[in-house]
Amino acid sequence: MYSSQNYIEKPINLLYFDSLSHAMLNEQAVEFIKSIPKPISIMSITGPYRTGKSYLLNSIISGEESFPTSSTTSSCTKGLWVWGKPLLSVD
């Protein structure tokens, strides 16, 4: 179970694809989401590969390369990912 003391400041893969291309849930990510005090808001960034989604998330979250990026045509962040530490919003 997660608590505020053991959040991790890195991406966690929530949904990934196995070697047979079956969608699989990562139980660590599911437990993390369940541990977040409610209410929560979701921010989603989608689009074709190699269009700057990870770069945008890195700029929003920390300004560092937290979500992997690559200079090649291969995908680094296939599936669904969550940030391992809740971010506070300003109302």
PDB file of N, CA and C in Angstrom:
ATOM      1  N   MET A   1       0.831  -1.181   0.000  1.00  0.00           N
ATOM      2  CA  MET A   1       0.000   0.000   0.000  1.00  0.00           C
ATOM      3  C   MET A   1       0.878   1.247   0.000  1.00  0.00           C
ATOM      4  N   TYR A   2       0.496   2.241  -0.748  1.00  0.00           N
ATOM      5  CA  TYR A   2       1.248   3.489  -0.823  1.00  0.00           C
ATOM      6  C   TYR A   2       0.826   4.434   0.293  1.00  0.00           C
ATOM      7  N   SER A   3       1.748   5.234   0.729  1.00  0.00           N
ATOM      8  CA  SER A   3       1.452   6.343   1.622  1.00  0.00           C
ATOM      9  C   SER A   3       2.260   7.527   1.124  1.00  0.00           C
ATOM     10  N   SER A   4       2.027   8.690   1.707  1.00  0.00           N
ATOM     11  CA  SER A   4       2.735   9.877   1.234  1.00  0.00           C
ATOM     12  C   SER A   4       4.241   9.739   1.405  1.00  0.00           C
ATOM     13  N   GLN A   5       4.678   8.854   2.279  1.00  0.00           N
ATOM     14  CA  GLN A   5       6.108   8.665   2.496  1.00  0.00           C
ATOM     15  C   GLN A   5       6.763   7.821   1.403  1.00  0.00           C
ATOM     16  N   ASN A   6       5.980   7.017   0.677  1.00  0.00           N
ATOM     17  CA  ASN A   6       6.630   6.156  -0.302  1.00  0.00           C
ATOM     18  C   ASN A   6       6.149   6.364  -1.735  1.00  0.00           C
ATOM     19  N   TYR A   7       5.672   7.575  -2.063  1.00  0.00           N
ATOM     20  CA  TYR A   7       5.420   7.883  -3.464  1.00  0.00           C
ATOM     21  C   TYR A   7       6.758   7.915  -4.189  1.00  0.00           C
ATOM     22  N   ILE A   8       6.733   7.601  -5.442  1.00  0.00           N
ATOM     23  CA  ILE A   8       7.963   7.629  -6.228  1.00  0.00           C
ATOM     24  C   ILE A   8       7.827   8.654  -7.337  1.00  0.00           C
ATOM     25  N   GLU A   9       8.835   9.456  -7.530  1.00  0.00           N
ATOM     26  CA  GLU A   9       8.788  10.489  -8.563  1.00  0.00           C
ATOM     27  C   GLU A   9       9.339   9.925  -9.863  1.00  0.00           C
ATOM     28  N   LYS A  10       8.561   9.021 -10.438  1.00  0.00           N
ATOM     29  CA  LYS A  10       8.897   8.451 -11.742  1.00  0.00           C
ATOM     30  C   LYS A  10       7.615   7.890 -12.343  1.00  0.00           C
ATOM     31  N   PRO A  11       7.610   7.667 -13.646  1.00  0.00           N
ATOM     32  CA  PRO A  11       6.424   7.099 -14.285  1.00  0.00           C
ATOM     33  C   PRO A  11       6.241   5.631 -13.911  1.00  0.00           C
ATOM     34  N   ILE A  12       4.987   5.218 -13.804  1.00  0.00           N
ATOM     35  CA  ILE A  12       4.647   3.815 -13.560  1.00  0.00           C
ATOM     36  C   ILE A  12       3.751   3.367 -14.705  1.00  0.00           C
ATOM     37  N   ASN A  13       4.104   2.257 -15.319  1.00  0.00           N
ATOM     38  CA  ASN A  13       3.321   1.733 -16.433  1.00  0.00           C
ATOM     39  C   ASN A  13       2.044   1.102 -15.888  1.00  0.00           C
ATOM     40  N   LEU A  14       0.888   1.671 -16.207  1.00  0.00           N
ATOM     41  CA  LEU A  14      -0.399   1.163 -15.742  1.00  0.00           C
ATOM     42  C   LEU A  14      -0.903   0.037 -16.634  1.00  0.00           C
ATOM     43  N   LEU A  15      -0.837   0.226 -17.933  1.00  0.00           N
ATOM     44  CA  LEU A  15      -1.311  -0.775 -18.883  1.00  0.00           C
ATOM     45  C   LEU A  15      -0.203  -1.013 -19.896  1.00  0.00           C
ATOM     46  N   TYR A  16       0.159  -2.264 -20.063  1.00  0.00           N
ATOM     47  CA  TYR A  16       1.222  -2.611 -21.004  1.00  0.00           C
ATOM     48  C   TYR A  16       0.762  -3.793 -21.840  1.00  0.00           C
ATOM     49  N   PHE A  17       1.535  -4.137 -22.835  1.00  0.00           N
ATOM     50  CA  PHE A  17       1.196  -5.231 -23.734  1.00  0.00           C
ATOM     51  C   PHE A  17       2.237  -6.329 -23.603  1.00  0.00           C
ATOM     52  N   ASP A  18       1.763  -7.574 -23.408  1.00  0.00           N
ATOM     53  CA  ASP A  18       2.683  -8.701 -23.294  1.00  0.00           C
ATOM     54  C   ASP A  18       3.200  -9.108 -24.676  1.00  0.00           C
ATOM     55  N   SER A  19       3.987 -10.167 -24.731  1.00  0.00           N
ATOM     56  CA  SER A  19       4.602 -10.598 -25.992  1.00  0.00           C
ATOM     57  C   SER A  19       3.585 -11.039 -27.036  1.00  0.00           C
ATOM     58  N   LEU A  20       2.356 -11.341 -26.612  1.00  0.00           N
ATOM     59  CA  LEU A  20       1.297 -11.717 -27.549  1.00  0.00           C
ATOM     60  C   LEU A  20       0.358 -10.546 -27.848  1.00  0.00           C
ATOM     61  N   SER A  21       0.763  -9.333 -27.449  1.00  0.00           N
ATOM     62  CA  SER A  21      -0.008  -8.097 -27.638  1.00  0.00           C
ATOM     63  C   SER A  21      -1.322  -8.067 -26.859  1.00  0.00           C
ATOM     64  N   HIS A  22      -1.374  -8.812 -25.742  1.00  0.00           N
ATOM     65  CA  HIS A  22      -2.527  -8.739 -24.845  1.00  0.00           C
ATOM     66  C   HIS A  22      -2.311  -7.587 -23.872  1.00  0.00           C
ATOM     67  N   ALA A  23      -3.355  -6.784 -23.629  1.00  0.00           N
ATOM     68  CA  ALA A  23      -3.268  -5.694 -22.664  1.00  0.00           C
ATOM     69  C   ALA A  23      -3.234  -6.276 -21.252  1.00  0.00           C
ATOM     70  N   MET A  24      -2.302  -5.792 -20.439  1.00  0.00           N
ATOM     71  CA  MET A  24      -2.118  -6.269 -19.075  1.00  0.00           C
ATOM     72  C   MET A  24      -2.077  -5.074 -18.120  1.00  0.00           C
ATOM     73  N   LEU A  25      -2.705  -5.216 -16.933  1.00  0.00           N
ATOM     74  CA  LEU A  25      -2.654  -4.172 -15.905  1.00  0.00           C
ATOM     75  C   LEU A  25      -1.494  -4.431 -14.962  1.00  0.00           C
ATOM     76  N   ASN A  26      -0.790  -3.379 -14.606  1.00  0.00           N
ATOM     77  CA  ASN A  26       0.282  -3.447 -13.625  1.00  0.00           C
ATOM     78  C   ASN A  26      -0.340  -3.224 -12.246  1.00  0.00           C
ATOM     79  N   GLU A  27      -0.337  -4.228 -11.401  1.00  0.00           N
ATOM     80  CA  GLU A  27      -0.981  -4.145 -10.087  1.00  0.00           C
ATOM     81  C   GLU A  27      -0.359  -3.073  -9.199  1.00  0.00           C
ATOM     82  N   GLN A  28       0.955  -2.812  -9.337  1.00  0.00           N
ATOM     83  CA  GLN A  28       1.603  -1.752  -8.563  1.00  0.00           C
ATOM     84  C   GLN A  28       0.961  -0.404  -8.892  1.00  0.00           C
ATOM     85  N   ALA A  29       0.700  -0.153 -10.154  1.00  0.00           N
ATOM     86  CA  ALA A  29       0.075   1.112 -10.558  1.00  0.00           C
ATOM     87  C   ALA A  29      -1.374   1.184 -10.073  1.00  0.00           C
ATOM     88  N   VAL A  30      -2.091   0.080 -10.129  1.00  0.00           N
ATOM     89  CA  VAL A  30      -3.475   0.053  -9.657  1.00  0.00           C
ATOM     90  C   VAL A  30      -3.510   0.374  -8.159  1.00  0.00           C
ATOM     91  N   GLU A  31      -2.629  -0.230  -7.375  1.00  0.00           N
ATOM     92  CA  GLU A  31      -2.571   0.039  -5.935  1.00  0.00           C
ATOM     93  C   GLU A  31      -2.207   1.490  -5.660  1.00  0.00           C
ATOM     94  N   PHE A  32      -1.306   2.034  -6.457  1.00  0.00           N
ATOM     95  CA  PHE A  32      -0.941   3.447  -6.303  1.00  0.00           C
ATOM     96  C   PHE A  32      -2.164   4.333  -6.500  1.00  0.00           C
ATOM     97  N   ILE A  33      -2.928   4.113  -7.567  1.00  0.00           N
ATOM     98  CA  ILE A  33      -4.107   4.929  -7.847  1.00  0.00           C
ATOM     99  C   ILE A  33      -5.128   4.799  -6.716  1.00  0.00           C
ATOM    100  N   LYS A  34      -5.314   3.583  -6.208  1.00  0.00           N
ATOM    101  CA  LYS A  34      -6.254   3.377  -5.098  1.00  0.00           C
ATOM    102  C   LYS A  34      -5.825   4.121  -3.837  1.00  0.00           C
ATOM    103  N   SER A  35      -4.526   4.352  -3.668  1.00  0.00           N
ATOM    104  CA  SER A  35      -4.015   4.972  -2.442  1.00  0.00           C
ATOM    105  C   SER A  35      -4.118   6.492  -2.433  1.00  0.00           C
ATOM    106  N   ILE A  36      -4.413   7.106  -3.559  1.00  0.00           N
ATOM    107  CA  ILE A  36      -4.455   8.563  -3.633  1.00  0.00           C
ATOM    108  C   ILE A  36      -5.713   9.071  -2.929  1.00  0.00           C
ATOM    109  N   PRO A  37      -5.550  10.036  -2.015  1.00  0.00           N
ATOM    110  CA  PRO A  37      -6.730  10.613  -1.370  1.00  0.00           C
ATOM    111  C   PRO A  37      -7.653  11.231  -2.419  1.00  0.00           C
ATOM    112  N   LYS A  38      -8.933  11.030  -2.244  1.00  0.00           N
ATOM    113  CA  LYS A  38      -9.920  11.516  -3.197  1.00  0.00           C
ATOM    114  C   LYS A  38     -10.296  12.943  -2.870  1.00  0.00           C
ATOM    115  N   PRO A  39     -10.801  13.752  -3.746  1.00  0.00           N
ATOM    116  CA  PRO A  39     -11.012  13.487  -5.165  1.00  0.00           C
ATOM    117  C   PRO A  39      -9.716  13.682  -5.959  1.00  0.00           C
ATOM    118  N   ILE A  40      -9.667  13.115  -7.138  1.00  0.00           N
ATOM    119  CA  ILE A  40      -8.522  13.287  -8.022  1.00  0.00           C
ATOM    120  C   ILE A  40      -9.018  13.752  -9.393  1.00  0.00           C
ATOM    121  N   SER A  41      -8.128  14.345 -10.141  1.00  0.00           N
ATOM    122  CA  SER A  41      -8.394  14.729 -11.523  1.00  0.00           C
ATOM    123  C   SER A  41      -7.384  14.006 -12.406  1.00  0.00           C
ATOM    124  N   ILE A  42      -7.778  13.734 -13.616  1.00  0.00           N
ATOM    125  CA  ILE A  42      -6.926  13.020 -14.562  1.00  0.00           C
ATOM    126  C   ILE A  42      -6.491  13.974 -15.661  1.00  0.00           C
ATOM    127  N   MET A  43      -5.206  13.957 -16.000  1.00  0.00           N
ATOM    128  CA  MET A  43      -4.694  14.683 -17.147  1.00  0.00           C
ATOM    129  C   MET A  43      -4.244  13.639 -18.155  1.00  0.00           C
ATOM    130  N   SER A  44      -4.697  13.768 -19.368  1.00  0.00           N
ATOM    131  CA  SER A  44      -4.382  12.785 -20.389  1.00  0.00           C
ATOM    132  C   SER A  44      -3.759  13.473 -21.592  1.00  0.00           C
ATOM    133  N   ILE A  45      -2.706  12.866 -22.117  1.00  0.00           N
ATOM    134  CA  ILE A  45      -2.083  13.353 -23.339  1.00  0.00           C
ATOM    135  C   ILE A  45      -2.013  12.176 -24.298  1.00  0.00           C
ATOM    136  N   THR A  46      -2.620  12.329 -25.467  1.00  0.00           N
ATOM    137  CA  THR A  46      -2.633  11.257 -26.462  1.00  0.00           C
ATOM    138  C   THR A  46      -2.180  11.805 -27.807  1.00  0.00           C
ATOM    139  N   GLY A  47      -1.805  10.893 -28.683  1.00  0.00           N
ATOM    140  CA  GLY A  47      -1.436  11.291 -30.032  1.00  0.00           C
ATOM    141  C   GLY A  47      -0.534  10.259 -30.668  1.00  0.00           C
ATOM    142  N   PRO A  48      -0.222  10.471 -31.934  1.00  0.00           N
ATOM    143  CA  PRO A  48       0.664   9.538 -32.654  1.00  0.00           C
ATOM    144  C   PRO A  48       2.051   9.493 -32.009  1.00  0.00           C
ATOM    145  N   TYR A  49       2.753   8.391 -32.238  1.00  0.00           N
ATOM    146  CA  TYR A  49       4.093   8.275 -31.666  1.00  0.00           C
ATOM    147  C   TYR A  49       5.019   9.320 -32.276  1.00  0.00           C
ATOM    148  N   ARG A  50       6.040   9.709 -31.494  1.00  0.00           N
ATOM    149  CA  ARG A  50       7.072  10.658 -31.912  1.00  0.00           C
ATOM    150  C   ARG A  50       6.532  12.071 -32.138  1.00  0.00           C
ATOM    151  N   THR A  51       5.525  12.490 -31.327  1.00  0.00           N
ATOM    152  CA  THR A  51       4.980  13.837 -31.499  1.00  0.00           C
ATOM    153  C   THR A  51       5.149  14.716 -30.252  1.00  0.00           C
ATOM    154  N   GLY A  52       5.960  14.282 -29.280  1.00  0.00           N
ATOM    155  CA  GLY A  52       6.293  15.128 -28.139  1.00  0.00           C
ATOM    156  C   GLY A  52       5.450  14.964 -26.901  1.00  0.00           C
ATOM    157  N   LYS A  53       4.693  13.875 -26.788  1.00  0.00           N
ATOM    158  CA  LYS A  53       3.844  13.675 -25.605  1.00  0.00           C
ATOM    159  C   LYS A  53       4.678  13.538 -24.335  1.00  0.00           C
ATOM    160  N   SER A  54       5.703  12.708 -24.358  1.00  0.00           N
ATOM    161  CA  SER A  54       6.565  12.533 -23.181  1.00  0.00           C
ATOM    162  C   SER A  54       7.300  13.828 -22.858  1.00  0.00           C
ATOM    163  N   TYR A  55       7.745  14.539 -23.872  1.00  0.00           N
ATOM    164  CA  TYR A  55       8.419  15.816 -23.666  1.00  0.00           C
ATOM    165  C   TYR A  55       7.488  16.804 -22.955  1.00  0.00           C
ATOM    166  N   LEU A  56       6.231  16.870 -23.403  1.00  0.00           N
ATOM    167  CA  LEU A  56       5.254  17.761 -22.775  1.00  0.00           C
ATOM    168  C   LEU A  56       5.020  17.373 -21.320  1.00  0.00           C
ATOM    169  N   LEU A  57       4.829  16.081 -21.048  1.00  0.00           N
ATOM    170  CA  LEU A  57       4.638  15.630 -19.665  1.00  0.00           C
ATOM    171  C   LEU A  57       5.841  15.970 -18.800  1.00  0.00           C
ATOM    172  N   ASN A  58       7.038  15.759 -19.327  1.00  0.00           N
ATOM    173  CA  ASN A  58       8.245  16.100 -18.571  1.00  0.00           C
ATOM    174  C   ASN A  58       8.291  17.586 -18.253  1.00  0.00           C
ATOM    175  N   SER A  59       7.883  18.425 -19.198  1.00  0.00           N
ATOM    176  CA  SER A  59       7.869  19.874 -18.971  1.00  0.00           C
ATOM    177  C   SER A  59       6.869  20.252 -17.889  1.00  0.00           C
ATOM    178  N   ILE A  60       5.714  19.604 -17.874  1.00  0.00           N
ATOM    179  CA  ILE A  60       4.670  19.908 -16.889  1.00  0.00           C
ATOM    180  C   ILE A  60       5.064  19.419 -15.504  1.00  0.00           C
ATOM    181  N   ILE A  61       5.596  18.211 -15.419  1.00  0.00           N
ATOM    182  CA  ILE A  61       5.849  17.571 -14.123  1.00  0.00           C
ATOM    183  C   ILE A  61       7.102  18.087 -13.446  1.00  0.00           C
ATOM    184  N   SER A  62       8.234  18.074 -14.151  1.00  0.00           N
ATOM    185  CA  SER A  62       9.469  18.347 -13.442  1.00  0.00           C
ATOM    186  C   SER A  62      10.492  19.146 -14.226  1.00  0.00           C
ATOM    187  N   GLY A  63      10.315  19.263 -15.519  1.00  0.00           N
ATOM    188  CA  GLY A  63      11.324  19.925 -16.332  1.00  0.00           C
ATOM    189  C   GLY A  63      12.506  19.024 -16.643  1.00  0.00           C
ATOM    190  N   GLU A  64      12.513  17.815 -16.095  1.00  0.00           N
ATOM    191  CA  GLU A  64      13.579  16.849 -16.361  1.00  0.00           C
ATOM    192  C   GLU A  64      13.014  15.712 -17.197  1.00  0.00           C
ATOM    193  N   GLU A  65      13.887  14.840 -17.686  1.00  0.00           N
ATOM    194  CA  GLU A  65      13.412  13.713 -18.481  1.00  0.00           C
ATOM    195  C   GLU A  65      12.977  12.579 -17.559  1.00  0.00           C
ATOM    196  N   SER A  66      11.748  12.661 -17.084  1.00  0.00           N
ATOM    197  CA  SER A  66      11.182  11.637 -16.212  1.00  0.00           C
ATOM    198  C   SER A  66      10.498  10.555 -17.036  1.00  0.00           C
ATOM    199  N   PHE A  67       9.675  10.972 -18.006  1.00  0.00           N
ATOM    200  CA  PHE A  67       9.110  10.022 -18.959  1.00  0.00           C
ATOM    201  C   PHE A  67      10.160   9.831 -20.045  1.00  0.00           C
ATOM    202  N   PRO A  68      10.483   8.584 -20.395  1.00  0.00           N
ATOM    203  CA  PRO A  68      11.564   8.362 -21.359  1.00  0.00           C
ATOM    204  C   PRO A  68      11.234   8.923 -22.737  1.00  0.00           C
ATOM    205  N   THR A  69      12.257   9.475 -23.370  1.00  0.00           N
ATOM    206  CA  THR A  69      12.153   9.943 -24.742  1.00  0.00           C
ATOM    207  C   THR A  69      13.277   9.299 -25.535  1.00  0.00           C
ATOM    208  N   SER A  70      13.151   9.316 -26.845  1.00  0.00           N
ATOM    209  CA  SER A  70      14.148   8.671 -27.690  1.00  0.00           C
ATOM    210  C   SER A  70      14.308   9.461 -28.973  1.00  0.00           C
ATOM    211  N   SER A  71      15.514   9.409 -29.524  1.00  0.00           N
ATOM    212  CA  SER A  71      15.752  10.070 -30.806  1.00  0.00           C
ATOM    213  C   SER A  71      15.537   9.103 -31.969  1.00  0.00           C
ATOM    214  N   THR A  72      15.115   7.881 -31.669  1.00  0.00           N
ATOM    215  CA  THR A  72      14.864   6.892 -32.713  1.00  0.00           C
ATOM    216  C   THR A  72      13.373   6.805 -32.999  1.00  0.00           C
ATOM    217  N   THR A  73      13.007   5.948 -33.908  1.00  0.00           N
ATOM    218  CA  THR A  73      11.586   5.786 -34.234  1.00  0.00           C
ATOM    219  C   THR A  73      10.902   4.760 -33.342  1.00  0.00           C
ATOM    220  N   SER A  74      11.616   4.169 -32.388  1.00  0.00           N
ATOM    221  CA  SER A  74      10.988   3.187 -31.499  1.00  0.00           C
ATOM    222  C   SER A  74      10.236   3.887 -30.370  1.00  0.00           C
ATOM    223  N   SER A  75       9.178   3.246 -29.905  1.00  0.00           N
ATOM    224  CA  SER A  75       8.341   3.795 -28.846  1.00  0.00           C
ATOM    225  C   SER A  75       8.943   3.499 -27.480  1.00  0.00           C
ATOM    226  N   CYS A  76       8.977   4.504 -26.599  1.00  0.00           N
ATOM    227  CA  CYS A  76       9.490   4.322 -25.230  1.00  0.00           C
ATOM    228  C   CYS A  76       8.374   4.150 -24.219  1.00  0.00           C
ATOM    229  N   THR A  77       7.224   4.734 -24.470  1.00  0.00           N
ATOM    230  CA  THR A  77       6.154   4.769 -23.475  1.00  0.00           C
ATOM    231  C   THR A  77       4.863   4.193 -24.039  1.00  0.00           C
ATOM    232  N   LYS A  78       4.943   3.029 -24.614  1.00  0.00           N
ATOM    233  CA  LYS A  78       3.756   2.375 -25.158  1.00  0.00           C
ATOM    234  C   LYS A  78       2.849   1.944 -24.014  1.00  0.00           C
ATOM    235  N   GLY A  79       1.549   2.085 -24.198  1.00  0.00           N
ATOM    236  CA  GLY A  79       0.587   1.717 -23.160  1.00  0.00           C
ATOM    237  C   GLY A  79       0.082   2.945 -22.433  1.00  0.00           C
ATOM    238  N   LEU A  80      -0.340   2.757 -21.193  1.00  0.00           N
ATOM    239  CA  LEU A  80      -0.807   3.864 -20.341  1.00  0.00           C
ATOM    240  C   LEU A  80       0.136   3.993 -19.148  1.00  0.00           C
ATOM    241  N   TRP A  81       0.494   5.214 -18.829  1.00  0.00           N
ATOM    242  CA  TRP A  81       1.429   5.484 -17.747  1.00  0.00           C
ATOM    243  C   TRP A  81       0.814   6.462 -16.763  1.00  0.00           C
ATOM    244  N   VAL A  82       1.220   6.363 -15.496  1.00  0.00           N
ATOM    245  CA  VAL A  82       0.815   7.316 -14.468  1.00  0.00           C
ATOM    246  C   VAL A  82       2.066   7.836 -13.777  1.00  0.00           C
ATOM    247  N   TRP A  83       1.972   9.063 -13.278  1.00  0.00           N
ATOM    248  CA  TRP A  83       3.074   9.633 -12.513  1.00  0.00           C
ATOM    249  C   TRP A  83       2.981   9.092 -11.096  1.00  0.00           C
ATOM    250  N   GLY A  84       4.096   8.664 -10.514  1.00  0.00           N
ATOM    251  CA  GLY A  84       4.130   7.972  -9.237  1.00  0.00           C
ATOM    252  C   GLY A  84       3.961   8.818  -8.001  1.00  0.00           C
ATOM    253  N   LYS A  85       3.649  10.097  -8.167  1.00  0.00           N
ATOM    254  CA  LYS A  85       3.414  10.967  -7.025  1.00  0.00           C
ATOM    255  C   LYS A  85       2.303  11.934  -7.395  1.00  0.00           C
ATOM    256  N   PRO A  86       1.251  12.024  -6.585  1.00  0.00           N
ATOM    257  CA  PRO A  86       0.187  12.977  -6.907  1.00  0.00           C
ATOM    258  C   PRO A  86       0.726  14.404  -6.989  1.00  0.00           C
ATOM    259  N   LEU A  87       0.199  15.169  -7.920  1.00  0.00           N
ATOM    260  CA  LEU A  87       0.557  16.571  -8.058  1.00  0.00           C
ATOM    261  C   LEU A  87      -0.585  17.420  -7.526  1.00  0.00           C
ATOM    262  N   LEU A  88      -0.272  18.422  -6.746  1.00  0.00           N
ATOM    263  CA  LEU A  88      -1.300  19.311  -6.221  1.00  0.00           C
ATOM    264  C   LEU A  88      -1.687  20.317  -7.293  1.00  0.00           C
ATOM    265  N   SER A  89      -2.959  20.544  -7.419  1.00  0.00           N
ATOM    266  CA  SER A  89      -3.423  21.558  -8.362  1.00  0.00           C
ATOM    267  C   SER A  89      -3.706  22.848  -7.623  1.00  0.00           C
ATOM    268  N   VAL A  90      -3.639  23.928  -8.343  1.00  0.00           N
ATOM    269  CA  VAL A  90      -3.933  25.233  -7.767  1.00  0.00           C
ATOM    270  C   VAL A  90      -5.299  25.648  -8.293  1.00  0.00           C
ATOM    271  N   ASP A  91      -6.231  25.864  -7.396  1.00  0.00           N
ATOM    272  CA  ASP A  91      -7.587  26.265  -7.806  1.00  0.00           C
ATOM    273  C   ASP A  91      -7.677  27.742  -8.067  1.00  0.00           C
TER     274      ASP A  91
END
